[in-house]
N, C-alpha and C. Protein backbone atom coordinates (compact mmCIF):
# COMPACT_ATOMS: atom_id res chain seq x y z
N MET A 1 10.72 6.24 -21.29
CA MET A 1 10.89 4.98 -20.58
C MET A 1 11.78 4.07 -21.41
N THR A 2 12.53 3.26 -20.73
CA THR A 2 13.45 2.36 -21.40
C THR A 2 12.80 1.06 -21.78
N GLY A 3 11.61 0.79 -21.31
CA GLY A 3 10.94 -0.46 -21.59
C GLY A 3 11.32 -1.57 -20.63
N ARG A 4 12.27 -1.28 -19.73
CA ARG A 4 12.66 -2.28 -18.73
C ARG A 4 11.67 -2.27 -17.59
N ARG A 5 11.45 -3.44 -17.03
CA ARG A 5 10.58 -3.54 -15.87
C ARG A 5 11.33 -3.04 -14.64
N PRO A 6 10.64 -2.37 -13.72
CA PRO A 6 11.30 -1.92 -12.49
C PRO A 6 11.81 -3.10 -11.69
N LYS A 7 12.88 -2.87 -10.98
CA LYS A 7 13.47 -3.91 -10.15
C LYS A 7 12.62 -4.13 -8.90
N ARG A 8 12.32 -5.38 -8.58
CA ARG A 8 11.61 -5.69 -7.34
C ARG A 8 12.57 -5.54 -6.19
N VAL A 9 12.09 -4.98 -5.10
CA VAL A 9 12.96 -4.63 -3.99
C VAL A 9 12.70 -5.52 -2.79
N PRO A 10 13.71 -6.32 -2.37
CA PRO A 10 13.54 -7.07 -1.13
C PRO A 10 13.67 -6.13 0.05
N ASN A 11 13.03 -6.46 1.14
CA ASN A 11 13.14 -5.65 2.33
C ASN A 11 14.18 -6.27 3.24
N GLU A 12 15.41 -5.76 3.16
CA GLU A 12 16.51 -6.34 3.91
C GLU A 12 16.31 -6.25 5.41
N ALA A 13 15.78 -5.13 5.90
CA ALA A 13 15.60 -4.94 7.33
C ALA A 13 14.61 -5.94 7.91
N ALA A 14 13.71 -6.41 7.09
CA ALA A 14 12.66 -7.29 7.57
C ALA A 14 12.96 -8.76 7.30
N GLY A 15 14.16 -9.07 6.80
CA GLY A 15 14.42 -10.45 6.42
C GLY A 15 13.50 -10.79 5.28
N GLN A 16 12.78 -11.87 5.41
CA GLN A 16 11.83 -12.25 4.36
C GLN A 16 10.38 -12.15 4.83
N LYS A 17 10.14 -11.40 5.89
CA LYS A 17 8.77 -11.23 6.36
C LYS A 17 7.99 -10.38 5.38
N PRO A 18 6.75 -10.72 5.10
CA PRO A 18 5.96 -9.91 4.18
C PRO A 18 5.63 -8.54 4.76
N TRP A 19 5.47 -7.59 3.88
CA TRP A 19 5.05 -6.26 4.29
C TRP A 19 3.61 -6.34 4.76
N GLU A 20 3.25 -5.51 5.73
CA GLU A 20 1.88 -5.45 6.25
C GLU A 20 1.28 -4.10 5.87
N LEU A 21 0.25 -4.16 5.05
CA LEU A 21 -0.41 -2.96 4.57
C LEU A 21 -1.89 -3.03 4.91
N THR A 22 -2.46 -1.89 5.28
CA THR A 22 -3.89 -1.80 5.50
C THR A 22 -4.44 -0.75 4.55
N VAL A 23 -5.47 -1.12 3.80
CA VAL A 23 -6.12 -0.18 2.90
C VAL A 23 -7.52 0.09 3.42
N TYR A 24 -7.81 1.37 3.65
CA TYR A 24 -9.11 1.80 4.15
C TYR A 24 -9.95 2.29 2.97
N VAL A 25 -11.14 1.73 2.85
CA VAL A 25 -12.04 2.06 1.74
C VAL A 25 -13.44 2.32 2.29
N ALA A 26 -14.32 2.78 1.40
CA ALA A 26 -15.72 2.98 1.77
C ALA A 26 -16.57 2.17 0.82
N GLY A 27 -16.93 0.99 1.23
CA GLY A 27 -17.78 0.14 0.42
C GLY A 27 -17.07 -0.40 -0.81
N ALA A 28 -17.86 -0.82 -1.78
CA ALA A 28 -17.33 -1.45 -2.99
C ALA A 28 -17.39 -0.48 -4.16
N SER A 29 -17.08 0.77 -3.91
CA SER A 29 -17.11 1.77 -4.98
C SER A 29 -16.01 1.47 -6.00
N LEU A 30 -16.13 2.07 -7.16
CA LEU A 30 -15.11 1.89 -8.19
C LEU A 30 -13.75 2.36 -7.71
N ARG A 31 -13.72 3.49 -7.00
CA ARG A 31 -12.44 4.02 -6.48
C ARG A 31 -11.83 3.06 -5.46
N SER A 32 -12.64 2.46 -4.61
CA SER A 32 -12.15 1.49 -3.63
C SER A 32 -11.58 0.26 -4.32
N ARG A 33 -12.32 -0.29 -5.27
CA ARG A 33 -11.86 -1.48 -5.99
C ARG A 33 -10.58 -1.19 -6.77
N THR A 34 -10.52 0.00 -7.37
CA THR A 34 -9.33 0.39 -8.12
C THR A 34 -8.11 0.45 -7.21
N ALA A 35 -8.27 1.05 -6.05
CA ALA A 35 -7.15 1.16 -5.10
C ALA A 35 -6.66 -0.23 -4.67
N ILE A 36 -7.58 -1.12 -4.36
CA ILE A 36 -7.21 -2.48 -3.93
C ILE A 36 -6.51 -3.22 -5.06
N ASP A 37 -7.05 -3.15 -6.26
CA ASP A 37 -6.43 -3.81 -7.41
C ASP A 37 -5.04 -3.25 -7.70
N ASN A 38 -4.91 -1.92 -7.65
CA ASN A 38 -3.61 -1.30 -7.90
C ASN A 38 -2.60 -1.69 -6.83
N LEU A 39 -3.02 -1.74 -5.58
CA LEU A 39 -2.11 -2.11 -4.49
C LEU A 39 -1.65 -3.56 -4.65
N ASN A 40 -2.56 -4.44 -4.98
CA ASN A 40 -2.17 -5.84 -5.21
C ASN A 40 -1.15 -5.95 -6.34
N ALA A 41 -1.38 -5.24 -7.43
CA ALA A 41 -0.46 -5.29 -8.57
C ALA A 41 0.90 -4.71 -8.21
N ILE A 42 0.93 -3.62 -7.49
CA ILE A 42 2.20 -2.99 -7.10
C ILE A 42 2.98 -3.92 -6.17
N CYS A 43 2.31 -4.52 -5.21
CA CYS A 43 2.99 -5.45 -4.30
C CYS A 43 3.57 -6.64 -5.07
N LYS A 44 2.79 -7.20 -5.95
CA LYS A 44 3.25 -8.35 -6.73
C LYS A 44 4.47 -8.00 -7.57
N GLU A 45 4.49 -6.82 -8.11
CA GLU A 45 5.56 -6.39 -9.00
C GLU A 45 6.82 -5.93 -8.27
N HIS A 46 6.66 -5.30 -7.09
CA HIS A 46 7.78 -4.58 -6.50
C HIS A 46 8.27 -5.07 -5.13
N VAL A 47 7.58 -6.00 -4.49
CA VAL A 47 7.99 -6.42 -3.15
C VAL A 47 8.29 -7.92 -3.18
N LEU A 48 9.56 -8.26 -3.12
CA LEU A 48 9.98 -9.66 -3.21
C LEU A 48 9.40 -10.54 -2.13
N CYS A 49 9.36 -10.04 -0.91
CA CYS A 49 8.92 -10.87 0.21
C CYS A 49 7.40 -10.91 0.35
N GLY A 50 6.69 -10.23 -0.54
CA GLY A 50 5.24 -10.28 -0.53
C GLY A 50 4.60 -9.27 0.40
N CYS A 51 3.30 -9.19 0.33
CA CYS A 51 2.53 -8.25 1.13
C CYS A 51 1.31 -8.95 1.73
N ARG A 52 1.02 -8.61 2.96
CA ARG A 52 -0.26 -8.98 3.57
C ARG A 52 -1.10 -7.71 3.55
N ILE A 53 -2.20 -7.78 2.85
CA ILE A 53 -3.05 -6.60 2.71
C ILE A 53 -4.35 -6.83 3.46
N GLU A 54 -4.61 -5.96 4.43
CA GLU A 54 -5.87 -5.99 5.16
C GLU A 54 -6.76 -4.89 4.57
N VAL A 55 -7.97 -5.24 4.19
CA VAL A 55 -8.92 -4.27 3.66
C VAL A 55 -9.92 -3.94 4.77
N VAL A 56 -10.02 -2.66 5.10
CA VAL A 56 -10.96 -2.20 6.12
C VAL A 56 -12.02 -1.34 5.44
N ASP A 57 -13.27 -1.80 5.50
CA ASP A 57 -14.38 -1.06 4.93
C ASP A 57 -14.95 -0.17 6.03
N LEU A 58 -14.74 1.13 5.88
CA LEU A 58 -15.18 2.06 6.91
C LEU A 58 -16.69 2.26 6.96
N LEU A 59 -17.40 1.76 5.95
CA LEU A 59 -18.86 1.78 6.04
C LEU A 59 -19.34 0.73 7.03
N LYS A 60 -18.58 -0.35 7.18
CA LYS A 60 -18.91 -1.42 8.12
C LYS A 60 -18.29 -1.21 9.49
N LYS A 61 -17.10 -0.60 9.53
CA LYS A 61 -16.39 -0.39 10.79
C LYS A 61 -15.86 1.04 10.88
N PRO A 62 -16.76 2.01 10.99
CA PRO A 62 -16.32 3.42 10.99
C PRO A 62 -15.44 3.79 12.18
N GLN A 63 -15.57 3.07 13.28
CA GLN A 63 -14.77 3.37 14.47
C GLN A 63 -13.27 3.18 14.23
N LEU A 64 -12.91 2.38 13.23
CA LEU A 64 -11.49 2.14 12.95
C LEU A 64 -10.80 3.34 12.32
N ALA A 65 -11.57 4.26 11.77
CA ALA A 65 -10.99 5.46 11.15
C ALA A 65 -10.28 6.33 12.18
N ARG A 66 -10.83 6.42 13.35
CA ARG A 66 -10.25 7.28 14.38
C ARG A 66 -8.91 6.74 14.86
N GLY A 67 -8.81 5.44 15.09
CA GLY A 67 -7.58 4.85 15.62
C GLY A 67 -6.37 5.06 14.72
N ASP A 68 -6.56 4.99 13.41
CA ASP A 68 -5.45 5.18 12.49
C ASP A 68 -5.49 6.56 11.83
N GLN A 69 -6.31 7.46 12.36
CA GLN A 69 -6.40 8.85 11.91
C GLN A 69 -6.64 8.95 10.41
N ILE A 70 -7.66 8.25 9.94
CA ILE A 70 -8.02 8.27 8.53
C ILE A 70 -8.92 9.47 8.27
N VAL A 71 -8.48 10.35 7.38
CA VAL A 71 -9.27 11.55 7.07
C VAL A 71 -9.74 11.56 5.62
N ALA A 72 -9.22 10.67 4.80
CA ALA A 72 -9.63 10.57 3.39
C ALA A 72 -9.53 9.10 2.98
N ILE A 73 -10.32 8.73 1.99
CA ILE A 73 -10.29 7.35 1.52
C ILE A 73 -10.26 7.34 0.00
N PRO A 74 -9.67 6.33 -0.58
CA PRO A 74 -8.91 5.26 0.06
C PRO A 74 -7.58 5.76 0.62
N THR A 75 -7.16 5.15 1.71
CA THR A 75 -5.86 5.40 2.34
C THR A 75 -5.18 4.07 2.57
N VAL A 76 -3.88 4.01 2.27
CA VAL A 76 -3.08 2.83 2.56
C VAL A 76 -2.07 3.19 3.63
N ILE A 77 -1.95 2.34 4.63
CA ILE A 77 -0.94 2.51 5.66
C ILE A 77 -0.01 1.31 5.62
N ARG A 78 1.28 1.59 5.50
CA ARG A 78 2.29 0.54 5.60
C ARG A 78 2.65 0.43 7.07
N LYS A 79 2.27 -0.69 7.69
CA LYS A 79 2.52 -0.89 9.11
C LYS A 79 3.82 -1.63 9.37
N PHE A 80 4.24 -2.44 8.42
CA PHE A 80 5.51 -3.14 8.51
C PHE A 80 6.08 -3.25 7.12
N PRO A 81 7.31 -2.95 6.92
CA PRO A 81 8.35 -2.60 7.88
C PRO A 81 8.19 -1.15 8.37
N LEU A 82 8.73 -0.93 9.55
CA LEU A 82 8.73 0.41 10.12
C LEU A 82 9.75 1.26 9.38
N PRO A 83 9.59 2.54 9.34
CA PRO A 83 8.54 3.35 9.95
C PRO A 83 7.25 3.27 9.15
N MET A 84 6.15 3.56 9.83
CA MET A 84 4.86 3.57 9.16
C MET A 84 4.85 4.64 8.08
N ARG A 85 4.18 4.32 6.99
CA ARG A 85 4.00 5.27 5.88
C ARG A 85 2.54 5.22 5.47
N ARG A 86 2.03 6.31 4.91
CA ARG A 86 0.66 6.32 4.42
C ARG A 86 0.59 7.08 3.12
N ILE A 87 -0.38 6.68 2.31
CA ILE A 87 -0.62 7.33 1.04
C ILE A 87 -2.12 7.30 0.77
N ILE A 88 -2.62 8.36 0.16
CA ILE A 88 -4.05 8.51 -0.10
C ILE A 88 -4.30 8.51 -1.60
N GLY A 89 -5.38 7.89 -2.02
CA GLY A 89 -5.78 7.94 -3.42
C GLY A 89 -6.05 6.55 -3.97
N ASP A 90 -6.32 6.48 -5.29
CA ASP A 90 -6.64 5.19 -5.90
C ASP A 90 -5.40 4.41 -6.34
N LEU A 91 -4.22 4.96 -6.07
CA LEU A 91 -2.93 4.30 -6.30
C LEU A 91 -2.66 4.05 -7.78
N SER A 92 -3.27 4.84 -8.65
CA SER A 92 -3.06 4.65 -10.09
C SER A 92 -1.71 5.19 -10.55
N ASP A 93 -1.09 6.09 -9.79
CA ASP A 93 0.24 6.60 -10.12
C ASP A 93 1.27 5.74 -9.40
N THR A 94 1.72 4.70 -10.09
CA THR A 94 2.62 3.71 -9.48
C THR A 94 3.86 4.36 -8.90
N GLU A 95 4.47 5.27 -9.63
CA GLU A 95 5.71 5.92 -9.15
C GLU A 95 5.46 6.64 -7.83
N ARG A 96 4.34 7.33 -7.72
CA ARG A 96 4.00 8.05 -6.48
C ARG A 96 3.82 7.06 -5.32
N VAL A 97 3.20 5.93 -5.59
CA VAL A 97 3.00 4.91 -4.55
C VAL A 97 4.34 4.33 -4.11
N LEU A 98 5.20 4.03 -5.07
CA LEU A 98 6.52 3.47 -4.75
C LEU A 98 7.32 4.41 -3.87
N VAL A 99 7.27 5.69 -4.18
CA VAL A 99 8.00 6.69 -3.38
C VAL A 99 7.32 6.86 -2.02
N GLY A 100 5.99 7.01 -2.03
CA GLY A 100 5.25 7.27 -0.79
C GLY A 100 5.34 6.14 0.23
N LEU A 101 5.35 4.91 -0.26
CA LEU A 101 5.44 3.75 0.65
C LEU A 101 6.87 3.22 0.76
N GLU A 102 7.80 3.95 0.15
CA GLU A 102 9.22 3.58 0.18
C GLU A 102 9.46 2.17 -0.31
N MET A 103 8.98 1.89 -1.50
CA MET A 103 9.17 0.58 -2.13
C MET A 103 10.24 0.63 -3.20
N LYS A 104 10.92 1.76 -3.34
CA LYS A 104 11.93 1.91 -4.39
C LYS A 104 13.32 1.55 -3.85
N ALA A 105 14.15 0.99 -4.72
CA ALA A 105 15.52 0.64 -4.36
C ALA A 105 16.27 1.88 -3.91
N GLY A 106 17.11 1.71 -2.89
CA GLY A 106 17.95 2.80 -2.42
C GLY A 106 17.29 3.72 -1.42
N GLN A 107 16.02 3.50 -1.09
CA GLN A 107 15.37 4.32 -0.09
C GLN A 107 15.49 3.66 1.27
N ALA A 108 15.44 4.49 2.30
CA ALA A 108 15.62 4.00 3.68
C ALA A 108 14.52 3.06 4.09
């Protein structure tokens, strides 16, 4: 590593509208809290226009899993900007999250 911080990426297609992300978790488990904390940190670091993060607890609203085809948790779905993207896990691998949610410079 060069020690440089990654460049924050504005979403040109969306103007300055914040990204819309939904994170599906099961209760307040350590894995759920870790995923939410990691997602907040990644958004703060890498998305200039900000993120709106909706947290859906599937223990409280299990019917929502079917509508968004959630088969594993935690799962994050990027609903805006389009196209939709999803990633599963606690989001501790920042590089994987940046690629999976297309938050890296130069990606479509």
